[in-house]
Amino acid sequence: MESAQKTAEIIFAFTGMDAVSISNREQVLAFVGKGADHHKPGEPI
């Protein structure tokens, strides 16, 4: 979760996307950008 969050923040800063997320097979590991109020790290996909 820690490495995914840092990675998502870097991708978000470089790409100019509105939101970036990284997940494993079960849950969201990191989410940055719009929609972060309900797409929360640690919760199921």
All heavy atoms as atom14 arrays in JSON, in Angstrom:
{
  "sequence": "MESAQKTAEIIFAFTGMDAVSISNREQVLAFVGKGADHHKPGEPI",
  "atom14_mask": [
    [1, 1, 1, 1, 1, 1, 1, 1, 0, 0, 0, 0, 0, 0],
    [1, 1, 1, 1, 1, 1, 1, 1, 1, 0, 0, 0, 0, 0],
    [1, 1, 1, 1, 1, 1, 0, 0, 0, 0, 0, 0, 0, 0],
    [1, 1, 1, 1, 1, 0, 0, 0, 0, 0, 0, 0, 0, 0],
    [1, 1, 1, 1, 1, 1, 1, 1, 1, 0, 0, 0, 0, 0],
    [1, 1, 1, 1, 1, 1, 1, 1, 1, 0, 0, 0, 0, 0],
    [1, 1, 1, 1, 1, 1, 1, 0, 0, 0, 0, 0, 0, 0],
    [1, 1, 1, 1, 1, 0, 0, 0, 0, 0, 0, 0, 0, 0],
    [1, 1, 1, 1, 1, 1, 1, 1, 1, 0, 0, 0, 0, 0],
    [1, 1, 1, 1, 1, 1, 1, 1, 0, 0, 0, 0, 0, 0],
    [1, 1, 1, 1, 1, 1, 1, 1, 0, 0, 0, 0, 0, 0],
    [1, 1, 1, 1, 1, 1, 1, 1, 1, 1, 1, 0, 0, 0],
    [1, 1, 1, 1, 1, 0, 0, 0, 0, 0, 0, 0, 0, 0],
    [1, 1, 1, 1, 1, 1, 1, 1, 1, 1, 1, 0, 0, 0],
    [1, 1, 1, 1, 1, 1, 1, 0, 0, 0, 0, 0, 0, 0],
    [1, 1, 1, 1, 0, 0, 0, 0, 0, 0, 0, 0, 0, 0],
    [1, 1, 1, 1, 1, 1, 1, 1, 0, 0, 0, 0, 0, 0],
    [1, 1, 1, 1, 1, 1, 1, 1, 0, 0, 0, 0, 0, 0],
    [1, 1, 1, 1, 1, 0, 0, 0, 0, 0, 0, 0, 0, 0],
    [1, 1, 1, 1, 1, 1, 1, 0, 0, 0, 0, 0, 0, 0],
    [1, 1, 1, 1, 1, 1, 0, 0, 0, 0, 0, 0, 0, 0],
    [1, 1, 1, 1, 1, 1, 1, 1, 0, 0, 0, 0, 0, 0],
    [1, 1, 1, 1, 1, 1, 0, 0, 0, 0, 0, 0, 0, 0],
    [1, 1, 1, 1, 1, 1, 1, 1, 0, 0, 0, 0, 0, 0],
    [1, 1, 1, 1, 1, 1, 1, 1, 1, 1, 1, 0, 0, 0],
    [1, 1, 1, 1, 1, 1, 1, 1, 1, 0, 0, 0, 0, 0],
    [1, 1, 1, 1, 1, 1, 1, 1, 1, 0, 0, 0, 0, 0],
    [1, 1, 1, 1, 1, 1, 1, 0, 0, 0, 0, 0, 0, 0],
    [1, 1, 1, 1, 1, 1, 1, 1, 0, 0, 0, 0, 0, 0],
    [1, 1, 1, 1, 1, 0, 0, 0, 0, 0, 0, 0, 0, 0],
    [1, 1, 1, 1, 1, 1, 1, 1, 1, 1, 1, 0, 0, 0],
    [1, 1, 1, 1, 1, 1, 1, 0, 0, 0, 0, 0, 0, 0],
    [1, 1, 1, 1, 0, 0, 0, 0, 0, 0, 0, 0, 0, 0],
    [1, 1, 1, 1, 1, 1, 1, 1, 1, 0, 0, 0, 0, 0],
    [1, 1, 1, 1, 0, 0, 0, 0, 0, 0, 0, 0, 0, 0],
    [1, 1, 1, 1, 1, 0, 0, 0, 0, 0, 0, 0, 0, 0],
    [1, 1, 1, 1, 1, 1, 1, 1, 0, 0, 0, 0, 0, 0],
    [1, 1, 1, 1, 1, 1, 1, 1, 1, 1, 0, 0, 0, 0],
    [1, 1, 1, 1, 1, 1, 1, 1, 1, 1, 0, 0, 0, 0],
    [1, 1, 1, 1, 1, 1, 1, 1, 1, 0, 0, 0, 0, 0],
    [1, 1, 1, 1, 1, 1, 1, 0, 0, 0, 0, 0, 0, 0],
    [1, 1, 1, 1, 0, 0, 0, 0, 0, 0, 0, 0, 0, 0],
    [1, 1, 1, 1, 1, 1, 1, 1, 1, 0, 0, 0, 0, 0],
    [1, 1, 1, 1, 1, 1, 1, 0, 0, 0, 0, 0, 0, 0],
    [1, 1, 1, 1, 1, 1, 1, 1, 0, 0, 0, 0, 0, 0]
  ],
  "atom14_positions": [
    [[0.83, -1.21, 0.0], [0.0, 0.0, 0.0], [0.86, 1.25, 0.0], [0.53, 2.25, -0.66], [-0.93, -0.01, 1.21], [-2.01, -1.08, 1.13], [-3.31, -0.91, 2.37], [-4.15, 0.56, 1.8], [0.0, 0.0, 0.0], [0.0, 0.0, 0.0], [0.0, 0.0, 0.0], [0.0, 0.0, 0.0], [0.0, 0.0, 0.0], [0.0, 0.0, 0.0]],
    [[1.98, 1.21, 0.73], [2.86, 2.38, 0.78], [3.52, 2.63, -0.57], [3.52, 3.76, -1.08], [3.92, 2.18, 1.86], [3.4, 2.16, 3.29], [2.71, 0.86, 3.66], [2.87, -0.15, 2.91], [2.0, 0.83, 4.67], [0.0, 0.0, 0.0], [0.0, 0.0, 0.0], [0.0, 0.0, 0.0], [0.0, 0.0, 0.0], [0.0, 0.0, 0.0]],
    [[4.1, 1.57, -1.18], [4.77, 1.75, -2.47], [3.78, 2.09, -3.57], [4.06, 2.89, -4.46], [5.55, 0.49, -2.84], [4.69, -0.62, -3.04], [0.0, 0.0, 0.0], [0.0, 0.0, 0.0], [0.0, 0.0, 0.0], [0.0, 0.0, 0.0], [0.0, 0.0, 0.0], [0.0, 0.0, 0.0], [0.0, 0.0, 0.0], [0.0, 0.0, 0.0]],
    [[2.56, 1.5, -3.51], [1.54, 1.79, -4.51], [1.09, 3.25, -4.42], [0.87, 3.91, -5.44], [0.35, 0.85, -4.33], [0.0, 0.0, 0.0], [0.0, 0.0, 0.0], [0.0, 0.0, 0.0], [0.0, 0.0, 0.0], [0.0, 0.0, 0.0], [0.0, 0.0, 0.0], [0.0, 0.0, 0.0], [0.0, 0.0, 0.0], [0.0, 0.0, 0.0]],
    [[0.93, 3.77, -3.2], [0.49, 5.16, -3.03], [1.52, 6.12, -3.6], [1.17, 7.07, -4.32], [0.26, 5.45, -1.54], [-0.3, 6.84, -1.26], [-1.69, 7.06, -1.83], [-2.46, 6.12, -1.98], [-2.0, 8.31, -2.18], [0.0, 0.0, 0.0], [0.0, 0.0, 0.0], [0.0, 0.0, 0.0], [0.0, 0.0, 0.0], [0.0, 0.0, 0.0]],
    [[2.8, 5.9, -3.3], [3.86, 6.75, -3.84], [3.89, 6.67, -5.36], [4.05, 7.67, -6.06], [5.21, 6.34, -3.27], [5.38, 6.63, -1.78], [5.46, 8.13, -1.53], [5.75, 8.43, -0.06], [5.78, 9.89, 0.21], [0.0, 0.0, 0.0], [0.0, 0.0, 0.0], [0.0, 0.0, 0.0], [0.0, 0.0, 0.0], [0.0, 0.0, 0.0]],
    [[3.73, 5.45, -5.88], [3.74, 5.25, -7.33], [2.57, 5.96, -7.99], [2.72, 6.63, -9.02], [3.69, 3.74, -7.65], [4.83, 3.1, -7.07], [3.69, 3.5, -9.15], [0.0, 0.0, 0.0], [0.0, 0.0, 0.0], [0.0, 0.0, 0.0], [0.0, 0.0, 0.0], [0.0, 0.0, 0.0], [0.0, 0.0, 0.0], [0.0, 0.0, 0.0]],
    [[1.37, 5.84, -7.41], [0.18, 6.49, -7.96], [0.34, 8.01, -7.96], [-0.07, 8.7, -8.9], [-1.06, 6.08, -7.17], [0.0, 0.0, 0.0], [0.0, 0.0, 0.0], [0.0, 0.0, 0.0], [0.0, 0.0, 0.0], [0.0, 0.0, 0.0], [0.0, 0.0, 0.0], [0.0, 0.0, 0.0], [0.0, 0.0, 0.0], [0.0, 0.0, 0.0]],
    [[0.92, 8.55, -6.9], [1.14, 10.01, -6.82], [2.09, 10.47, -7.93], [1.89, 11.53, -8.53], [1.7, 10.37, -5.45], [0.69, 10.22, -4.32], [1.31, 10.38, -2.94], [2.54, 10.6, -2.87], [0.57, 10.27, -1.93], [0.0, 0.0, 0.0], [0.0, 0.0, 0.0], [0.0, 0.0, 0.0], [0.0, 0.0, 0.0], [0.0, 0.0, 0.0]],
    [[3.13, 9.69, -8.2], [4.09, 10.05, -9.26], [3.42, 9.99, -10.63], [3.57, 10.89, -11.46], [5.32, 9.11, -9.19], [6.12, 9.4, -7.93], [6.19, 9.29, -10.43], [7.2, 8.38, -7.65], [0.0, 0.0, 0.0], [0.0, 0.0, 0.0], [0.0, 0.0, 0.0], [0.0, 0.0, 0.0], [0.0, 0.0, 0.0], [0.0, 0.0, 0.0]],
    [[2.65, 8.91, -10.89], [1.95, 8.79, -12.17], [0.96, 9.94, -12.35], [0.86, 10.53, -13.43], [1.22, 7.43, -12.25], [2.24, 6.27, -12.21], [0.38, 7.34, -13.51], [1.59, 4.9, -12.11], [0.0, 0.0, 0.0], [0.0, 0.0, 0.0], [0.0, 0.0, 0.0], [0.0, 0.0, 0.0], [0.0, 0.0, 0.0], [0.0, 0.0, 0.0]],
    [[0.24, 10.27, -11.3], [-0.75, 11.35, -11.34], [-0.08, 12.69, -11.68], [-0.58, 13.47, -12.5], [-1.46, 11.44, -10.0], [-2.52, 12.5, -9.92], [-3.75, 12.33, -10.53], [-2.29, 13.68, -9.21], [-4.73, 13.31, -10.46], [-3.26, 14.67, -9.14], [-4.49, 14.48, -9.76], [0.0, 0.0, 0.0], [0.0, 0.0, 0.0], [0.0, 0.0, 0.0]],
    [[1.07, 12.94, -11.07], [1.77, 14.21, -11.29], [2.32, 14.31, -12.71], [2.32, 15.39, -13.31], [2.91, 14.35, -10.28], [0.0, 0.0, 0.0], [0.0, 0.0, 0.0], [0.0, 0.0, 0.0], [0.0, 0.0, 0.0], [0.0, 0.0, 0.0], [0.0, 0.0, 0.0], [0.0, 0.0, 0.0], [0.0, 0.0, 0.0], [0.0, 0.0, 0.0]],
    [[2.76, 13.2, -13.28], [3.41, 13.23, -14.59], [2.44, 13.14, -15.76], [2.73, 13.66, -16.84], [4.44, 12.1, -14.7], [5.8, 12.46, -14.18], [6.07, 12.37, -12.83], [6.8, 12.9, -15.02], [7.31, 12.7, -12.32], [8.04, 13.25, -14.53], [8.31, 13.14, -13.18], [0.0, 0.0, 0.0], [0.0, 0.0, 0.0], [0.0, 0.0, 0.0]],
    [[1.31, 12.47, -15.58], [0.43, 12.21, -16.72], [-0.66, 13.25, -16.9], [-1.21, 13.37, -18.0], [-0.25, 10.84, -16.55], [-1.01, 10.81, -15.34], [0.8, 9.73, -16.52], [0.0, 0.0, 0.0], [0.0, 0.0, 0.0], [0.0, 0.0, 0.0], [0.0, 0.0, 0.0], [0.0, 0.0, 0.0], [0.0, 0.0, 0.0], [0.0, 0.0, 0.0]],
    [[-1.0, 13.98, -15.86], [-2.09, 14.95, -15.98], [-3.46, 14.3, -16.05], [-4.43, 14.94, -16.48], [0.0, 0.0, 0.0], [0.0, 0.0, 0.0], [0.0, 0.0, 0.0], [0.0, 0.0, 0.0], [0.0, 0.0, 0.0], [0.0, 0.0, 0.0], [0.0, 0.0, 0.0], [0.0, 0.0, 0.0], [0.0, 0.0, 0.0], [0.0, 0.0, 0.0]],
    [[-3.57, 13.05, -15.63], [-4.87, 12.38, -15.61], [-5.72, 12.95, -14.47], [-5.21, 13.59, -13.55], [-4.69, 10.87, -15.41], [-3.83, 10.18, -16.47], [-4.49, 10.3, -18.15], [-5.98, 9.34, -18.02], [0.0, 0.0, 0.0], [0.0, 0.0, 0.0], [0.0, 0.0, 0.0], [0.0, 0.0, 0.0], [0.0, 0.0, 0.0], [0.0, 0.0, 0.0]],
    [[-7.03, 12.71, -14.55], [-7.93, 13.19, -13.5], [-7.89, 12.31, -12.26], [-8.22, 12.78, -11.16], [-9.36, 13.27, -14.05], [-9.48, 14.32, -15.15], [-8.91, 15.41, -14.97], [-10.1, 14.03, -16.18], [0.0, 0.0, 0.0], [0.0, 0.0, 0.0], [0.0, 0.0, 0.0], [0.0, 0.0, 0.0], [0.0, 0.0, 0.0], [0.0, 0.0, 0.0]],
    [[-7.51, 11.04, -12.44], [-7.37, 10.14, -11.29], [-6.5, 8.96, -11.7], [-6.5, 8.55, -12.87], [-8.73, 9.65, -10.8], [0.0, 0.0, 0.0], [0.0, 0.0, 0.0], [0.0, 0.0, 0.0], [0.0, 0.0, 0.0], [0.0, 0.0, 0.0], [0.0, 0.0, 0.0], [0.0, 0.0, 0.0], [0.0, 0.0, 0.0], [0.0, 0.0, 0.0]],
    [[-5.76, 8.44, -10.75], [-4.91, 7.27, -10.97], [-5.12, 6.31, -9.81], [-5.15, 6.74, -8.64], [-3.42, 7.67, -11.06], [-2.54, 6.42, -11.13], [-3.16, 8.56, -12.27], [0.0, 0.0, 0.0], [0.0, 0.0, 0.0], [0.0, 0.0, 0.0], [0.0, 0.0, 0.0], [0.0, 0.0, 0.0], [0.0, 0.0, 0.0], [0.0, 0.0, 0.0]],
    [[-5.28, 5.04, -10.13], [-5.44, 4.05, -9.06], [-4.59, 2.82, -9.37], [-4.32, 2.5, -10.52], [-6.9, 3.65, -8.89], [-7.38, 3.0, -10.06], [0.0, 0.0, 0.0], [0.0, 0.0, 0.0], [0.0, 0.0, 0.0], [0.0, 0.0, 0.0], [0.0, 0.0, 0.0], [0.0, 0.0, 0.0], [0.0, 0.0, 0.0], [0.0, 0.0, 0.0]],
    [[-4.18, 2.14, -8.29], [-3.44, 0.89, -8.39], [-4.11, -0.1, -7.45], [-4.47, 0.24, -6.31], [-1.96, 1.08, -8.0], [-1.28, 2.04, -8.99], [-1.23, -0.26, -7.98], [0.15, 2.37, -8.61], [0.0, 0.0, 0.0], [0.0, 0.0, 0.0], [0.0, 0.0, 0.0], [0.0, 0.0, 0.0], [0.0, 0.0, 0.0], [0.0, 0.0, 0.0]],
    [[-4.3, -1.32, -7.93], [-4.95, -2.34, -7.1], [-4.17, -3.64, -7.17], [-3.37, -3.85, -8.08], [-6.39, -2.58, -7.59], [-6.37, -3.36, -8.78], [0.0, 0.0, 0.0], [0.0, 0.0, 0.0], [0.0, 0.0, 0.0], [0.0, 0.0, 0.0], [0.0, 0.0, 0.0], [0.0, 0.0, 0.0], [0.0, 0.0, 0.0], [0.0, 0.0, 0.0]],
    [[-4.41, -4.5, -6.17], [-3.99, -5.89, -6.32], [-5.22, -6.66, -6.78], [-6.15, -6.07, -7.34], [-3.39, -6.44, -5.01], [-4.36, -6.35, -3.84], [-5.58, -6.22, -4.04], [-3.84, -6.43, -2.63], [0.0, 0.0, 0.0], [0.0, 0.0, 0.0], [0.0, 0.0, 0.0], [0.0, 0.0, 0.0], [0.0, 0.0, 0.0], [0.0, 0.0, 0.0]],
    [[-5.3, -7.94, -6.53], [-6.43, -8.71, -7.05], [-7.71, -8.55, -6.21], [-8.8, -8.87, -6.68], [-6.08, -10.19, -7.14], [-5.01, -10.5, -8.18], [-4.97, -11.99, -8.48], [-6.23, -12.45, -9.04], [-6.55, -12.4, -10.33], [-5.67, -11.9, -11.21], [-7.7, -12.84, -10.77], [0.0, 0.0, 0.0], [0.0, 0.0, 0.0], [0.0, 0.0, 0.0]],
    [[-7.57, -8.03, -5.0], [-8.74, -7.94, -4.13], [-9.14, -6.52, -3.75], [-10.33, -6.22, -3.63], [-8.51, -8.72, -2.82], [-8.41, -10.23, -2.98], [-7.03, -10.68, -3.42], [-6.06, -9.96, -3.1], [-6.92, -11.73, -4.1], [0.0, 0.0, 0.0], [0.0, 0.0, 0.0], [0.0, 0.0, 0.0], [0.0, 0.0, 0.0], [0.0, 0.0, 0.0]],
    [[-8.17, -5.64, -3.59], [-8.51, -4.33, -3.04], [-7.73, -3.21, -3.73], [-6.73, -3.45, -4.41], [-8.21, -4.3, -1.54], [-6.73, -4.53, -1.21], [-6.48, -4.53, 0.29], [-7.38, -4.37, 1.09], [-5.22, -4.69, 0.67], [0.0, 0.0, 0.0], [0.0, 0.0, 0.0], [0.0, 0.0, 0.0], [0.0, 0.0, 0.0], [0.0, 0.0, 0.0]],
    [[-8.22, -2.0, -3.52], [-7.53, -0.81, -4.01], [-6.34, -0.54, -3.1], [-6.5, -0.41, -1.88], [-8.48, 0.4, -4.02], [-7.74, 1.65, -4.48], [-9.69, 0.13, -4.91], [0.0, 0.0, 0.0], [0.0, 0.0, 0.0], [0.0, 0.0, 0.0], [0.0, 0.0, 0.0], [0.0, 0.0, 0.0], [0.0, 0.0, 0.0], [0.0, 0.0, 0.0]],
    [[-5.15, -0.47, -3.68], [-3.95, -0.2, -2.88], [-3.66, 1.29, -2.8], [-3.13, 1.78, -1.81], [-2.74, -0.91, -3.49], [-2.78, -2.44, -3.48], [-1.53, -3.0, -4.15], [-2.9, -2.97, -2.06], [0.0, 0.0, 0.0], [0.0, 0.0, 0.0], [0.0, 0.0, 0.0], [0.0, 0.0, 0.0], [0.0, 0.0, 0.0], [0.0, 0.0, 0.0]],
    [[-4.03, 2.03, -3.86], [-3.75, 3.46, -3.89], [-4.73, 4.14, -4.83], [-5.13, 3.57, -5.85], [-2.32, 3.73, -4.34], [0.0, 0.0, 0.0], [0.0, 0.0, 0.0], [0.0, 0.0, 0.0], [0.0, 0.0, 0.0], [0.0, 0.0, 0.0], [0.0, 0.0, 0.0], [0.0, 0.0, 0.0], [0.0, 0.0, 0.0], [0.0, 0.0, 0.0]],
    [[-5.13, 5.36, -4.46], [-6.01, 6.15, -5.33], [-5.66, 7.62, -5.14], [-5.6, 8.11, -4.01], [-7.48, 5.9, -5.0], [-8.42, 6.45, -6.03], [-8.95, 5.63, -7.0], [-8.75, 7.8, -6.06], [-9.8, 6.12, -7.97], [-9.59, 8.31, -7.03], [-10.13, 7.47, -7.99], [0.0, 0.0, 0.0], [0.0, 0.0, 0.0], [0.0, 0.0, 0.0]],
    [[-5.46, 8.33, -6.27], [-5.14, 9.75, -6.24], [-6.0, 10.46, -7.27], [-6.11, 10.0, -8.42], [-3.64, 10.0, -6.56], [-3.33, 11.49, -6.48], [-2.75, 9.2, -5.62], [0.0, 0.0, 0.0], [0.0, 0.0, 0.0], [0.0, 0.0, 0.0], [0.0, 0.0, 0.0], [0.0, 0.0, 0.0], [0.0, 0.0, 0.0], [0.0, 0.0, 0.0]],
    [[-6.64, 11.56, -6.88], [-7.42, 12.35, -7.83], [-8.9, 12.37, -7.52], [-9.34, 12.04, -6.42], [0.0, 0.0, 0.0], [0.0, 0.0, 0.0], [0.0, 0.0, 0.0], [0.0, 0.0, 0.0], [0.0, 0.0, 0.0], [0.0, 0.0, 0.0], [0.0, 0.0, 0.0], [0.0, 0.0, 0.0], [0.0, 0.0, 0.0], [0.0, 0.0, 0.0]],
    [[-9.69, 12.76, -8.52], [-11.14, 12.88, -8.34], [-11.76, 11.51, -8.12], [-11.41, 10.54, -8.78], [-11.75, 13.57, -9.55], [-11.26, 15.0, -9.73], [-11.88, 15.68, -10.93], [-11.37, 17.12, -11.06], [-11.94, 17.79, -12.24], [0.0, 0.0, 0.0], [0.0, 0.0, 0.0], [0.0, 0.0, 0.0], [0.0, 0.0, 0.0], [0.0, 0.0, 0.0]],
    [[-12.73, 11.47, -7.22], [-13.36, 10.21, -6.87], [-12.73, 9.54, -5.67], [-13.14, 8.44, -5.27], [0.0, 0.0, 0.0], [0.0, 0.0, 0.0], [0.0, 0.0, 0.0], [0.0, 0.0, 0.0], [0.0, 0.0, 0.0], [0.0, 0.0, 0.0], [0.0, 0.0, 0.0], [0.0, 0.0, 0.0], [0.0, 0.0, 0.0], [0.0, 0.0, 0.0]],
    [[-11.73, 10.22, -5.07], [-11.04, 9.63, -3.92], [-11.93, 9.54, -2.68], [-11.59, 8.85, -1.73], [-9.79, 10.45, -3.59], [0.0, 0.0, 0.0], [0.0, 0.0, 0.0], [0.0, 0.0, 0.0], [0.0, 0.0, 0.0], [0.0, 0.0, 0.0], [0.0, 0.0, 0.0], [0.0, 0.0, 0.0], [0.0, 0.0, 0.0], [0.0, 0.0, 0.0]],
    [[-13.1, 10.23, -2.71], [-14.0, 10.19, -1.55], [-14.65, 8.82, -1.38], [-15.03, 8.44, -0.26], [-15.08, 11.26, -1.69], [-15.88, 11.1, -2.97], [-15.29, 10.66, -3.99], [-17.08, 11.4, -2.96], [0.0, 0.0, 0.0], [0.0, 0.0, 0.0], [0.0, 0.0, 0.0], [0.0, 0.0, 0.0], [0.0, 0.0, 0.0], [0.0, 0.0, 0.0]],
    [[-14.77, 8.06, -2.48], [-15.37, 6.73, -2.34], [-14.49, 5.59, -2.87], [-14.72, 4.43, -2.55], [-16.75, 6.68, -3.02], [-16.73, 7.01, -4.47], [-16.72, 8.29, -4.94], [-16.74, 6.21, -5.57], [-16.72, 8.29, -6.28], [-16.72, 7.04, -6.68], [0.0, 0.0, 0.0], [0.0, 0.0, 0.0], [0.0, 0.0, 0.0], [0.0, 0.0, 0.0]],
    [[-13.47, 5.92, -3.69], [-12.49, 4.9, -4.09], [-11.32, 4.99, -3.11], [-10.33, 5.68, -3.34], [-12.02, 5.15, -5.52], [-13.07, 4.96, -6.55], [-13.53, 3.71, -6.92], [-13.78, 5.86, -7.29], [-14.47, 3.85, -7.84], [-14.64, 5.14, -8.08], [0.0, 0.0, 0.0], [0.0, 0.0, 0.0], [0.0, 0.0, 0.0], [0.0, 0.0, 0.0]],
    [[-11.42, 4.28, -1.99], [-10.46, 4.45, -0.9], [-9.5, 3.27, -0.82], [-9.92, 2.11, -0.94], [-11.21, 4.61, 0.43], [-12.07, 5.88, 0.47], [-12.8, 5.99, 1.8], [-13.64, 7.27, 1.84], [-14.37, 7.4, 3.13], [0.0, 0.0, 0.0], [0.0, 0.0, 0.0], [0.0, 0.0, 0.0], [0.0, 0.0, 0.0], [0.0, 0.0, 0.0]],
    [[-8.22, 3.56, -0.59], [-7.23, 2.48, -0.42], [-7.61, 1.57, 0.73], [-8.08, 2.02, 1.77], [-5.93, 3.23, -0.13], [-6.13, 4.58, -0.74], [-7.58, 4.89, -0.57], [0.0, 0.0, 0.0], [0.0, 0.0, 0.0], [0.0, 0.0, 0.0], [0.0, 0.0, 0.0], [0.0, 0.0, 0.0], [0.0, 0.0, 0.0], [0.0, 0.0, 0.0]],
    [[-7.39, 0.29, 0.52], [-7.7, -0.7, 1.54], [-9.08, -1.3, 1.41], [-9.38, -2.32, 2.04], [0.0, 0.0, 0.0], [0.0, 0.0, 0.0], [0.0, 0.0, 0.0], [0.0, 0.0, 0.0], [0.0, 0.0, 0.0], [0.0, 0.0, 0.0], [0.0, 0.0, 0.0], [0.0, 0.0, 0.0], [0.0, 0.0, 0.0], [0.0, 0.0, 0.0]],
    [[-9.95, -0.67, 0.57], [-11.3, -1.19, 0.4], [-11.37, -2.1, -0.84], [-10.53, -2.0, -1.73], [-12.3, -0.04, 0.27], [-12.42, 0.79, 1.54], [-13.54, 1.81, 1.45], [-14.14, 1.95, 0.36], [-13.82, 2.47, 2.48], [0.0, 0.0, 0.0], [0.0, 0.0, 0.0], [0.0, 0.0, 0.0], [0.0, 0.0, 0.0], [0.0, 0.0, 0.0]],
    [[-12.38, -2.98, -0.91], [-12.5, -3.88, -2.07], [-12.66, -3.1, -3.38], [-13.17, -1.97, -3.38], [-13.76, -4.69, -1.74], [-13.91, -4.6, -0.27], [-13.39, -3.23, 0.12], [0.0, 0.0, 0.0], [0.0, 0.0, 0.0], [0.0, 0.0, 0.0], [0.0, 0.0, 0.0], [0.0, 0.0, 0.0], [0.0, 0.0, 0.0], [0.0, 0.0, 0.0]],
    [[-12.27, -3.71, -4.47], [-12.41, -3.11, -5.8], [-13.89, -2.93, -6.12], [-14.69, -3.87, -5.97], [-11.72, -3.99, -6.86], [-10.22, -4.05, -6.58], [-11.98, -3.47, -8.26], [-9.48, -5.08, -7.39], [0.0, 0.0, 0.0], [0.0, 0.0, 0.0], [0.0, 0.0, 0.0], [0.0, 0.0, 0.0], [0.0, 0.0, 0.0], [0.0, 0.0, 0.0]]
  ]
}
